[in-house]
Amino acid sequence: MIKNIFFIGAFVFLTQFAFSSVIPELIKSSGSSTDYPNSDLLIIFDSTDVDMLETGLSYYYTHTLSKILTTKGARDFSIFKYGTIPFRLMSI
């Protein structure tokens, strides 16, 4: 179990380190509201990983990178529900 926690922690750390320089470039090159005139939100990256244990217990890790294109999009997507718990989006 400790080994699994170590590998998950190492994976998360390395993933964050590897993508930390890529994310600003993805955001810049993804386009703007002039490229997508009818869109309020642009999904740049969306991924889900599942880690299932031998006991049947599973952990879901979702990574989503979104770009808000309009003021309406900022208002509409400032709060979203993940499962049954509302989360407030925070800008970097």
N, C-alpha and C. Protein backbone atom coordinates (compact mmCIF):
# COMPACT_ATOMS: atom_id res chain seq x y z
N MET A 1 0.82 -1.19 0.00
CA MET A 1 0.00 0.00 0.00
C MET A 1 0.87 1.26 0.00
N ILE A 2 1.91 1.26 0.83
CA ILE A 2 2.83 2.41 0.88
C ILE A 2 3.50 2.59 -0.48
N LYS A 3 3.83 1.47 -1.13
CA LYS A 3 4.47 1.53 -2.44
C LYS A 3 3.54 2.19 -3.45
N ASN A 4 2.25 1.84 -3.41
CA ASN A 4 1.28 2.43 -4.32
C ASN A 4 1.14 3.93 -4.08
N ILE A 5 1.09 4.33 -2.84
CA ILE A 5 0.97 5.75 -2.51
C ILE A 5 2.19 6.51 -3.00
N PHE A 6 3.37 5.91 -2.83
CA PHE A 6 4.60 6.55 -3.30
C PHE A 6 4.56 6.73 -4.82
N PHE A 7 4.17 5.70 -5.56
CA PHE A 7 4.14 5.79 -7.02
C PHE A 7 3.08 6.78 -7.50
N ILE A 8 1.94 6.82 -6.84
CA ILE A 8 0.91 7.78 -7.21
C ILE A 8 1.41 9.21 -6.95
N GLY A 9 2.03 9.42 -5.80
CA GLY A 9 2.58 10.74 -5.48
C GLY A 9 3.66 11.15 -6.46
N ALA A 10 4.55 10.22 -6.80
CA ALA A 10 5.61 10.51 -7.76
C ALA A 10 5.03 10.82 -9.13
N PHE A 11 4.00 10.06 -9.54
CA PHE A 11 3.36 10.30 -10.83
C PHE A 11 2.71 11.68 -10.88
N VAL A 12 2.00 12.04 -9.83
CA VAL A 12 1.35 13.35 -9.79
C VAL A 12 2.39 14.46 -9.82
N PHE A 13 3.46 14.33 -9.04
CA PHE A 13 4.51 15.34 -9.01
C PHE A 13 5.16 15.49 -10.38
N LEU A 14 5.53 14.37 -10.99
CA LEU A 14 6.20 14.43 -12.29
C LEU A 14 5.27 14.95 -13.38
N THR A 15 4.00 14.59 -13.31
CA THR A 15 3.04 15.09 -14.28
C THR A 15 2.90 16.59 -14.17
N GLN A 16 2.78 17.09 -12.95
CA GLN A 16 2.66 18.54 -12.75
C GLN A 16 3.94 19.25 -13.21
N PHE A 17 5.09 18.68 -12.91
CA PHE A 17 6.35 19.28 -13.32
C PHE A 17 6.50 19.28 -14.84
N ALA A 18 6.13 18.17 -15.47
CA ALA A 18 6.28 18.05 -16.92
C ALA A 18 5.34 18.99 -17.67
N PHE A 19 4.12 19.14 -17.18
CA PHE A 19 3.14 19.95 -17.88
C PHE A 19 3.14 21.42 -17.46
N SER A 20 3.89 21.78 -16.43
CA SER A 20 3.86 23.16 -15.96
C SER A 20 4.33 24.14 -17.02
N SER A 21 5.27 23.75 -17.87
CA SER A 21 5.72 24.64 -18.93
C SER A 21 4.88 24.50 -20.19
N VAL A 22 4.14 23.42 -20.32
CA VAL A 22 3.32 23.18 -21.51
C VAL A 22 1.98 23.89 -21.41
N ILE A 23 1.43 23.99 -20.22
CA ILE A 23 0.08 24.54 -20.04
C ILE A 23 -0.05 25.98 -20.54
N PRO A 24 0.84 26.90 -20.20
CA PRO A 24 0.69 28.26 -20.75
C PRO A 24 0.72 28.28 -22.28
N GLU A 25 1.53 27.44 -22.88
CA GLU A 25 1.59 27.38 -24.34
C GLU A 25 0.29 26.81 -24.92
N LEU A 26 -0.28 25.80 -24.26
CA LEU A 26 -1.57 25.26 -24.70
C LEU A 26 -2.66 26.33 -24.65
N ILE A 27 -2.66 27.11 -23.59
CA ILE A 27 -3.67 28.17 -23.45
C ILE A 27 -3.49 29.22 -24.53
N LYS A 28 -2.26 29.65 -24.77
CA LYS A 28 -2.01 30.68 -25.78
C LYS A 28 -2.37 30.21 -27.18
N SER A 29 -2.04 28.97 -27.50
CA SER A 29 -2.25 28.48 -28.87
C SER A 29 -3.64 27.91 -29.13
N SER A 30 -4.49 27.90 -28.11
CA SER A 30 -5.81 27.27 -28.27
C SER A 30 -6.81 28.14 -29.01
N GLY A 31 -6.57 29.41 -29.14
CA GLY A 31 -7.50 30.28 -29.85
C GLY A 31 -8.18 31.25 -28.90
N SER A 32 -9.06 32.05 -29.48
CA SER A 32 -9.76 33.08 -28.70
C SER A 32 -11.22 33.13 -29.13
N SER A 33 -11.94 34.10 -28.60
CA SER A 33 -13.36 34.23 -28.93
C SER A 33 -13.57 34.60 -30.39
N THR A 34 -12.58 35.19 -31.05
CA THR A 34 -12.72 35.47 -32.49
C THR A 34 -12.62 34.18 -33.30
N ASP A 35 -11.87 33.21 -32.81
CA ASP A 35 -11.76 31.91 -33.50
C ASP A 35 -13.00 31.06 -33.28
N TYR A 36 -13.66 31.23 -32.14
CA TYR A 36 -14.86 30.47 -31.77
C TYR A 36 -15.95 31.45 -31.36
N PRO A 37 -16.57 32.14 -32.34
CA PRO A 37 -17.48 33.23 -32.00
C PRO A 37 -18.75 32.81 -31.26
N ASN A 38 -19.18 31.57 -31.36
CA ASN A 38 -20.41 31.13 -30.71
C ASN A 38 -20.15 30.34 -29.42
N SER A 39 -18.91 30.37 -28.93
CA SER A 39 -18.56 29.59 -27.74
C SER A 39 -18.20 30.48 -26.57
N ASP A 40 -18.64 30.07 -25.39
CA ASP A 40 -18.29 30.78 -24.17
C ASP A 40 -17.12 30.12 -23.45
N LEU A 41 -16.90 28.83 -23.74
CA LEU A 41 -15.89 28.03 -23.05
C LEU A 41 -15.18 27.14 -24.06
N LEU A 42 -13.89 27.00 -23.91
CA LEU A 42 -13.10 26.12 -24.76
C LEU A 42 -12.44 25.07 -23.88
N ILE A 43 -12.72 23.80 -24.15
CA ILE A 43 -12.07 22.71 -23.42
C ILE A 43 -10.76 22.40 -24.15
N ILE A 44 -9.66 22.62 -23.47
CA ILE A 44 -8.34 22.39 -24.07
C ILE A 44 -7.87 20.97 -23.81
N PHE A 45 -8.13 20.47 -22.61
CA PHE A 45 -7.65 19.15 -22.22
C PHE A 45 -8.64 18.54 -21.25
N ASP A 46 -8.97 17.27 -21.45
CA ASP A 46 -9.89 16.57 -20.55
C ASP A 46 -9.45 15.11 -20.47
N SER A 47 -9.11 14.66 -19.28
CA SER A 47 -8.60 13.30 -19.11
C SER A 47 -9.10 12.72 -17.79
N THR A 48 -9.38 11.42 -17.78
CA THR A 48 -9.77 10.72 -16.56
C THR A 48 -8.93 9.46 -16.42
N ASP A 49 -8.32 9.30 -15.26
CA ASP A 49 -7.56 8.09 -14.95
C ASP A 49 -8.27 7.38 -13.80
N VAL A 50 -8.30 6.06 -13.86
CA VAL A 50 -8.93 5.27 -12.82
C VAL A 50 -7.89 4.33 -12.24
N ASP A 51 -7.78 4.33 -10.93
CA ASP A 51 -6.89 3.42 -10.23
C ASP A 51 -7.77 2.47 -9.42
N MET A 52 -7.84 1.21 -9.84
CA MET A 52 -8.69 0.24 -9.15
C MET A 52 -7.82 -0.69 -8.31
N LEU A 53 -8.18 -0.81 -7.06
CA LEU A 53 -7.46 -1.69 -6.15
C LEU A 53 -8.03 -3.10 -6.22
N GLU A 54 -7.29 -4.06 -5.70
CA GLU A 54 -7.74 -5.46 -5.70
C GLU A 54 -9.04 -5.64 -4.93
N THR A 55 -9.30 -4.76 -3.98
CA THR A 55 -10.51 -4.86 -3.17
C THR A 55 -11.75 -4.39 -3.93
N GLY A 56 -11.55 -3.75 -5.09
CA GLY A 56 -12.67 -3.20 -5.84
C GLY A 56 -12.83 -1.71 -5.65
N LEU A 57 -12.15 -1.17 -4.64
CA LEU A 57 -12.18 0.27 -4.42
C LEU A 57 -11.44 0.96 -5.56
N SER A 58 -11.99 2.02 -6.06
CA SER A 58 -11.33 2.71 -7.16
C SER A 58 -11.26 4.21 -6.89
N TYR A 59 -10.24 4.82 -7.44
CA TYR A 59 -10.01 6.26 -7.34
C TYR A 59 -10.03 6.84 -8.74
N TYR A 60 -10.77 7.93 -8.92
CA TYR A 60 -10.85 8.60 -10.20
C TYR A 60 -10.09 9.91 -10.12
N TYR A 61 -9.23 10.14 -11.09
CA TYR A 61 -8.47 11.39 -11.17
C TYR A 61 -8.85 12.05 -12.49
N THR A 62 -9.44 13.22 -12.41
CA THR A 62 -9.81 13.93 -13.62
C THR A 62 -8.96 15.20 -13.73
N HIS A 63 -8.48 15.44 -14.92
CA HIS A 63 -7.70 16.64 -15.22
C HIS A 63 -8.39 17.34 -16.38
N THR A 64 -8.79 18.56 -16.16
CA THR A 64 -9.45 19.34 -17.20
C THR A 64 -8.82 20.72 -17.26
N LEU A 65 -8.53 21.15 -18.46
CA LEU A 65 -8.02 22.50 -18.68
C LEU A 65 -9.02 23.20 -19.59
N SER A 66 -9.64 24.25 -19.07
CA SER A 66 -10.65 24.99 -19.81
C SER A 66 -10.22 26.44 -19.94
N LYS A 67 -10.66 27.06 -21.02
CA LYS A 67 -10.38 28.48 -21.24
C LYS A 67 -11.71 29.20 -21.41
N ILE A 68 -11.97 30.16 -20.55
CA ILE A 68 -13.18 30.97 -20.63
C ILE A 68 -12.95 32.03 -21.71
N LEU A 69 -13.90 32.11 -22.65
CA LEU A 69 -13.73 33.02 -23.78
C LEU A 69 -14.51 34.32 -23.66
N THR A 70 -15.60 34.31 -22.90
CA THR A 70 -16.45 35.49 -22.81
C THR A 70 -16.82 35.78 -21.36
N THR A 71 -17.35 36.97 -21.14
CA THR A 71 -17.84 37.33 -19.81
C THR A 71 -19.00 36.43 -19.40
N LYS A 72 -19.87 36.13 -20.36
CA LYS A 72 -20.98 35.22 -20.10
C LYS A 72 -20.44 33.85 -19.68
N GLY A 73 -19.39 33.39 -20.33
CA GLY A 73 -18.78 32.12 -19.97
C GLY A 73 -18.21 32.15 -18.56
N ALA A 74 -17.60 33.25 -18.18
CA ALA A 74 -17.06 33.38 -16.82
C ALA A 74 -18.18 33.32 -15.79
N ARG A 75 -19.30 33.96 -16.10
CA ARG A 75 -20.44 33.96 -15.19
C ARG A 75 -21.07 32.57 -15.12
N ASP A 76 -21.27 31.95 -16.29
CA ASP A 76 -21.95 30.64 -16.35
C ASP A 76 -21.11 29.51 -15.76
N PHE A 77 -19.80 29.58 -15.91
CA PHE A 77 -18.94 28.48 -15.50
C PHE A 77 -18.14 28.78 -14.23
N SER A 78 -18.53 29.79 -13.46
CA SER A 78 -17.80 30.11 -12.24
C SER A 78 -18.04 29.07 -11.15
N ILE A 79 -19.17 28.36 -11.23
CA ILE A 79 -19.47 27.27 -10.30
C ILE A 79 -19.93 26.07 -11.12
N PHE A 80 -19.37 24.92 -10.85
CA PHE A 80 -19.83 23.70 -11.51
C PHE A 80 -19.94 22.60 -10.48
N LYS A 81 -20.74 21.61 -10.80
CA LYS A 81 -20.94 20.49 -9.88
C LYS A 81 -20.16 19.29 -10.38
N TYR A 82 -19.41 18.70 -9.47
CA TYR A 82 -18.67 17.48 -9.76
C TYR A 82 -19.23 16.43 -8.82
N GLY A 83 -19.99 15.51 -9.37
CA GLY A 83 -20.71 14.58 -8.51
C GLY A 83 -21.85 15.36 -7.88
N THR A 84 -21.86 15.45 -6.56
CA THR A 84 -22.90 16.22 -5.88
C THR A 84 -22.33 17.40 -5.11
N ILE A 85 -21.01 17.61 -5.22
CA ILE A 85 -20.36 18.68 -4.46
C ILE A 85 -20.05 19.85 -5.40
N PRO A 86 -20.57 21.06 -5.13
CA PRO A 86 -20.24 22.19 -5.99
C PRO A 86 -18.82 22.69 -5.71
N PHE A 87 -18.11 22.99 -6.78
CA PHE A 87 -16.76 23.53 -6.69
C PHE A 87 -16.76 24.90 -7.34
N ARG A 88 -16.01 25.83 -6.77
CA ARG A 88 -15.87 27.15 -7.39
C ARG A 88 -14.56 27.16 -8.16
N LEU A 89 -14.66 27.56 -9.42
CA LEU A 89 -13.46 27.68 -10.25
C LEU A 89 -12.63 28.86 -9.75
N MET A 90 -11.33 28.68 -9.75
CA MET A 90 -10.43 29.75 -9.33
C MET A 90 -9.45 30.00 -10.44
N SER A 91 -9.19 31.23 -10.74
CA SER A 91 -8.22 31.57 -11.77
C SER A 91 -6.82 31.57 -11.19
N ILE A 92 -5.87 31.36 -12.05
CA ILE A 92 -4.47 31.32 -11.63
C ILE A 92 -3.87 32.70 -11.69
